[in-house]
Protein backbone atom coordinates (compact mmCIF):
# COMPACT_ATOMS: atom_id res chain seq x y z
CA MET A 1 23.16 2.78 -15.23
CA GLN A 2 21.39 3.73 -12.11
CA SER A 3 18.13 1.49 -10.49
CA GLU A 4 15.61 4.06 -11.37
CA GLU A 5 16.36 4.65 -15.04
CA LEU A 6 16.18 0.54 -15.48
CA VAL A 7 13.11 0.66 -13.83
CA ARG A 8 11.78 3.20 -16.16
CA LEU A 9 13.07 0.86 -19.18
CA ARG A 10 11.24 -1.71 -17.95
CA ILE A 11 7.83 0.45 -17.46
CA GLU A 12 8.33 1.90 -21.10
CA GLU A 13 8.61 -1.77 -22.45
CA VAL A 14 5.15 -2.22 -20.63
CA LEU A 15 3.99 0.72 -22.19
CA ALA A 16 5.00 0.09 -25.33
CA THR A 17 3.30 -3.47 -26.02
CA PRO A 18 1.30 -3.42 -28.59
CA GLY A 19 -2.68 -3.87 -27.23
CA ILE A 20 -1.38 -2.69 -23.58
CA GLY A 21 -4.81 -0.18 -23.61
CA ARG A 22 -6.70 -2.86 -24.86
CA LEU A 23 -5.41 -5.17 -21.87
CA VAL A 24 -6.52 -2.26 -19.29
CA GLU A 25 -9.62 -1.80 -20.52
CA ARG A 26 -10.50 -5.61 -20.12
CA TYR A 27 -9.25 -5.67 -16.53
CA PHE A 28 -11.63 -2.32 -15.71
CA ASP A 29 -14.63 -3.87 -17.82
CA PRO A 30 -17.30 -3.54 -15.55
CA GLU A 31 -19.04 -6.92 -16.62
CA GLY A 32 -15.67 -8.43 -16.57
CA PRO A 33 -14.23 -10.75 -14.32
CA PHE A 34 -11.29 -8.43 -12.28
CA ALA A 35 -11.35 -6.73 -9.57
CA GLY A 36 -11.81 -3.17 -11.84
CA ALA A 37 -12.81 -0.12 -10.15
CA THR A 38 -15.03 -1.82 -7.42
CA PHE A 39 -11.17 -2.32 -5.63
CA ASP A 40 -11.46 1.62 -5.25
CA LEU A 41 -15.14 1.95 -4.93
CA LEU A 42 -16.71 -0.73 -2.60
CA GLY A 43 -18.23 0.08 0.34
CA GLN A 44 -17.31 2.56 2.72
CA ASN A 45 -13.53 4.03 2.77
CA PRO A 46 -13.05 6.39 5.45
CA PRO A 47 -9.84 7.87 4.85
CA HIS A 48 -8.12 7.43 8.61
CA ALA A 49 -10.40 3.82 9.51
CA LEU A 50 -9.86 0.74 8.43
CA THR A 51 -13.47 -1.12 7.32
CA LEU A 52 -14.47 -4.38 6.90
CA ASP A 53 -15.27 -3.17 3.38
CA ASP A 54 -11.57 -2.46 2.88
CA LEU A 55 -10.99 -6.08 3.85
CA LEU A 56 -13.32 -7.35 1.07
CA ALA A 57 -12.18 -4.94 -1.39
CA THR A 58 -8.78 -6.06 -0.93
CA SER A 59 -9.69 -10.03 -1.32
CA LEU A 60 -10.36 -9.31 -4.97
CA LEU A 61 -6.78 -8.52 -5.78
CA ASP A 62 -6.50 -12.69 -5.25
CA ILE A 63 -6.22 -13.19 -1.75
CA SER A 64 -7.80 -14.52 1.08
CA TRP A 65 -7.79 -13.47 4.38
CA ARG A 66 -7.45 -16.06 7.46
CA PRO A 67 -9.22 -15.46 10.42
CA LEU A 68 -6.30 -14.97 12.89
CA ALA A 69 -5.28 -12.03 10.85
CA VAL A 70 -9.13 -10.64 10.40
CA ARG A 71 -9.05 -10.30 13.87
CA ARG A 72 -5.57 -8.77 14.49
CA LEU A 73 -6.73 -6.14 12.04
CA LEU A 74 -9.80 -5.26 14.02
CA ALA A 75 -8.12 -5.38 17.09
CA ALA A 76 -5.14 -3.14 16.33
CA ASP A 77 -7.71 -0.90 14.46
CA SER A 78 -7.18 2.28 16.62
CA ASP A 79 -3.27 2.30 16.24
CA ILE A 80 -3.76 2.00 12.29
CA SER A 81 -6.27 4.58 12.47
CA ALA A 82 -3.59 6.56 14.11
CA ARG A 83 -0.82 6.02 11.88
CA LEU A 84 -3.30 6.69 8.84
CA ALA A 85 -4.09 10.53 10.05
CA ALA A 86 -0.64 10.62 10.01
CA ILE A 87 -0.50 10.21 5.92
CA PRO A 88 -1.46 12.71 3.65
CA GLY A 89 -4.67 10.68 1.50
CA ASP A 90 -2.97 13.59 -1.64
CA VAL A 91 0.11 13.13 -2.02
CA ASP A 92 1.46 11.05 -4.87
CA LEU A 93 4.27 8.76 -4.32
CA TRP A 94 7.05 10.65 -6.60
CA ASN A 95 6.08 13.71 -4.62
CA ALA A 96 6.24 12.38 -1.24
CA PRO A 97 8.09 13.57 1.51
CA ARG A 98 10.94 11.38 3.03
CA ASP A 99 8.87 12.00 6.35
CA VAL A 100 5.64 10.71 4.78
CA LEU A 101 7.41 8.09 2.82
CA GLU A 102 9.30 6.64 5.82
CA THR A 103 5.50 7.11 8.21
CA ALA A 104 3.83 4.80 5.26
CA THR A 105 7.19 2.40 5.38
CA PHE A 106 6.66 1.88 9.04
CA LEU A 107 2.91 1.31 8.70
CA HIS A 108 3.81 -1.11 5.76
CA SER A 109 5.88 -3.19 8.03
CA SER A 110 3.87 -2.88 10.88
CA LEU A 111 1.03 -4.91 8.97
CA SER A 112 3.21 -6.99 7.37
CA LYS A 113 4.27 -8.13 10.54
CA LEU A 114 0.79 -9.43 11.30
CA PRO A 115 0.17 -13.16 11.33
CA GLY A 116 -1.29 -14.39 7.86
CA ILE A 117 -0.42 -11.01 6.36
CA GLY A 118 3.35 -10.41 4.83
CA PRO A 119 4.19 -7.60 2.87
CA VAL A 120 2.07 -8.29 -0.54
CA ILE A 121 -1.08 -8.17 1.46
CA ALA A 122 0.03 -5.00 3.24
CA SER A 123 0.53 -3.30 -0.04
CA LYS A 124 -2.90 -4.08 -1.04
CA LEU A 125 -4.40 -2.84 1.70
CA LEU A 126 -2.82 0.44 1.79
CA ALA A 127 -3.21 0.84 -1.61
CA ARG A 128 -6.91 0.61 -0.79
CA LYS A 129 -6.31 3.58 1.66
CA ARG A 130 -3.64 5.50 0.15
CA PRO A 131 -4.01 4.43 -3.56
CA ARG A 132 -1.63 7.90 -5.11
CA LEU A 133 0.96 6.89 -2.42
CA VAL A 134 1.45 3.33 -1.99
CA PRO A 135 2.00 0.61 -4.84
CA ILE A 136 0.90 -2.75 -4.98
CA HIS A 137 4.26 -4.72 -5.04
CA ASP A 138 3.22 -8.54 -5.88
CA ARG A 139 5.70 -11.11 -7.04
CA VAL A 140 4.47 -10.02 -10.75
CA VAL A 141 5.71 -6.29 -10.31
CA LEU A 142 8.33 -7.80 -8.51
CA ARG A 143 9.70 -9.79 -11.05
CA VAL A 144 9.09 -6.88 -14.30
CA LEU A 145 10.43 -4.69 -12.70
CA ALA A 146 13.50 -6.03 -10.20
CA PRO A 147 14.02 -2.83 -8.21
CA PRO A 148 16.98 -3.30 -5.57
CA LYS A 149 15.96 -5.24 -2.74
CA ASN A 150 13.39 -3.26 -0.09
CA LYS A 151 13.94 -0.39 -2.26
CA PHE A 152 10.78 -0.33 -4.41
CA TRP A 153 9.35 2.61 -3.37
CA ASP A 154 11.94 4.73 -3.57
CA THR A 155 13.24 3.06 -7.25
CA LEU A 156 9.70 3.91 -8.24
CA ALA A 157 8.85 7.59 -6.93
CA ALA A 158 12.33 8.45 -9.19
CA ALA A 159 11.06 6.66 -11.87
CA LEU A 160 7.82 8.51 -12.42
CA ARG A 161 9.38 11.87 -11.78
CA ALA A 162 9.86 11.68 -15.53
CA HIS A 163 6.59 13.47 -16.76
CA ALA A 164 6.69 11.69 -20.03
CA LEU A 165 6.52 8.61 -18.17
CA ARG A 166 3.44 9.63 -15.92
CA GLU A 167 1.88 10.75 -19.34
CA GLY A 168 2.40 7.91 -21.04
CA ILE A 169 0.95 5.61 -18.17
CA GLU A 170 -2.13 8.07 -17.88
CA ALA A 171 -3.23 7.32 -21.33
CA LEU A 172 -4.14 4.00 -20.68
CA ARG A 173 -7.08 5.08 -18.36
CA PRO A 174 -10.16 3.39 -19.86
CA ALA A 175 -13.87 4.49 -19.75
CA HIS A 176 -14.25 2.83 -16.51
CA GLY A 177 -11.30 3.52 -14.74
CA GLY A 178 -12.09 7.36 -13.63
CA SER A 179 -11.28 5.93 -9.91
CA ALA A 180 -8.14 4.53 -10.32
CA SER A 181 -4.91 6.14 -9.10
CA LEU A 182 -1.85 6.42 -11.60
CA LEU A 183 0.00 3.81 -9.68
CA ARG A 184 -2.88 1.23 -9.82
CA LEU A 185 -2.91 1.98 -13.45
CA LEU A 186 0.67 0.71 -13.88
CA ASP A 187 0.27 -2.21 -11.83
CA VAL A 188 -3.45 -3.51 -13.92
CA ALA A 189 -0.57 -2.81 -17.10
CA ILE A 190 2.25 -4.82 -15.42
CA TRP A 191 -0.06 -7.62 -13.85
CA THR A 192 -2.53 -7.88 -17.04
CA ARG A 193 0.51 -8.17 -19.36
CA HIS A 194 3.10 -10.53 -17.39
CA SER A 195 0.71 -12.39 -15.09
CA ARG A 196 0.93 -16.20 -15.85
CA SER A 197 -2.58 -16.61 -14.06
CA ARG A 198 -5.03 -18.03 -16.21
CA ALA A 199 -7.55 -15.02 -16.20
CA ALA A 200 -4.57 -12.73 -17.44
CA GLN A 201 -3.69 -15.16 -20.24
CA ALA A 202 -7.49 -15.22 -21.50
CA ALA A 203 -7.67 -11.46 -21.14
CA ARG A 204 -4.44 -11.47 -23.30
CA ALA A 205 -6.03 -13.70 -25.59
CA LYS A 206 -9.15 -11.78 -25.85
CA ALA A 207 -7.44 -8.50 -26.49
CA GLY A 208 -5.57 -10.20 -28.99
CA VAL A 209 -1.90 -9.40 -26.74
CA SER A 210 1.09 -11.72 -27.59
CA GLU A 211 2.54 -13.97 -24.56
CA PRO A 212 5.30 -12.62 -23.23
CA THR A 213 8.60 -14.07 -23.70
CA SER A 214 9.73 -14.27 -19.57
C-alpha cells in the first residue's frame, strides 16, 4: 500500500472517532482554553510580512519564543517577506504546483535553521502566514500519520486529493471555526484526539470521547 493511502486511512480513523466533532468544537470554543480561531484572527496578519502579532499568535500553540529567535526573525524579516511574496496565499496544499511547494519548503527549511526555532515552530509560523498551503507537523501529527521521512507535505497533499476525505474534514467545522483552513481543522482533529497533554485529555473527557489506545 502506498504511503498516501496509509495516511488517508489514518486520517479516516481520526474522522471516524465517535465524538470527534464535539472535540473540534471544544477546541474552537471562544470561552475555552485553546487557541481556537484566535490563532488565525489575532492582530495584523499581512500576507508578505512577519509581524509581532504572528509571533504572539504562534505562541498560543504551546511554544515559547526565545529572545535570540525573536531577534533573528525580526532581523531577517526583509528576506522572509521576499520569500513569502513568492508563495501565493490562495493555493491549497493538494493543488499546489511543484514550484510553489519547493519555494515554501525552502522557506520552512530556512526558518528551521534559525536558533531556537526548528521545524515544528517553523511550520506553525508558516501555517499562520499560508494556512491553506502549510500544515502544522508537530510530534502528535507525525506520530499519528507516520508519513515517510521528509515527505510529509507531499504525502499529505496526495492523500487530500481525495474529495471525500476533504469533505469529511470540512464536516467537522464548528460555528466558531469559520476562519480555519481545512489543514487547520485536520490538525485540530488529530491533536485533540491523540495528544497526551492534560488539556487534550480534559477535552476528551468533557466531550465524552474515549482515550486513544496508542
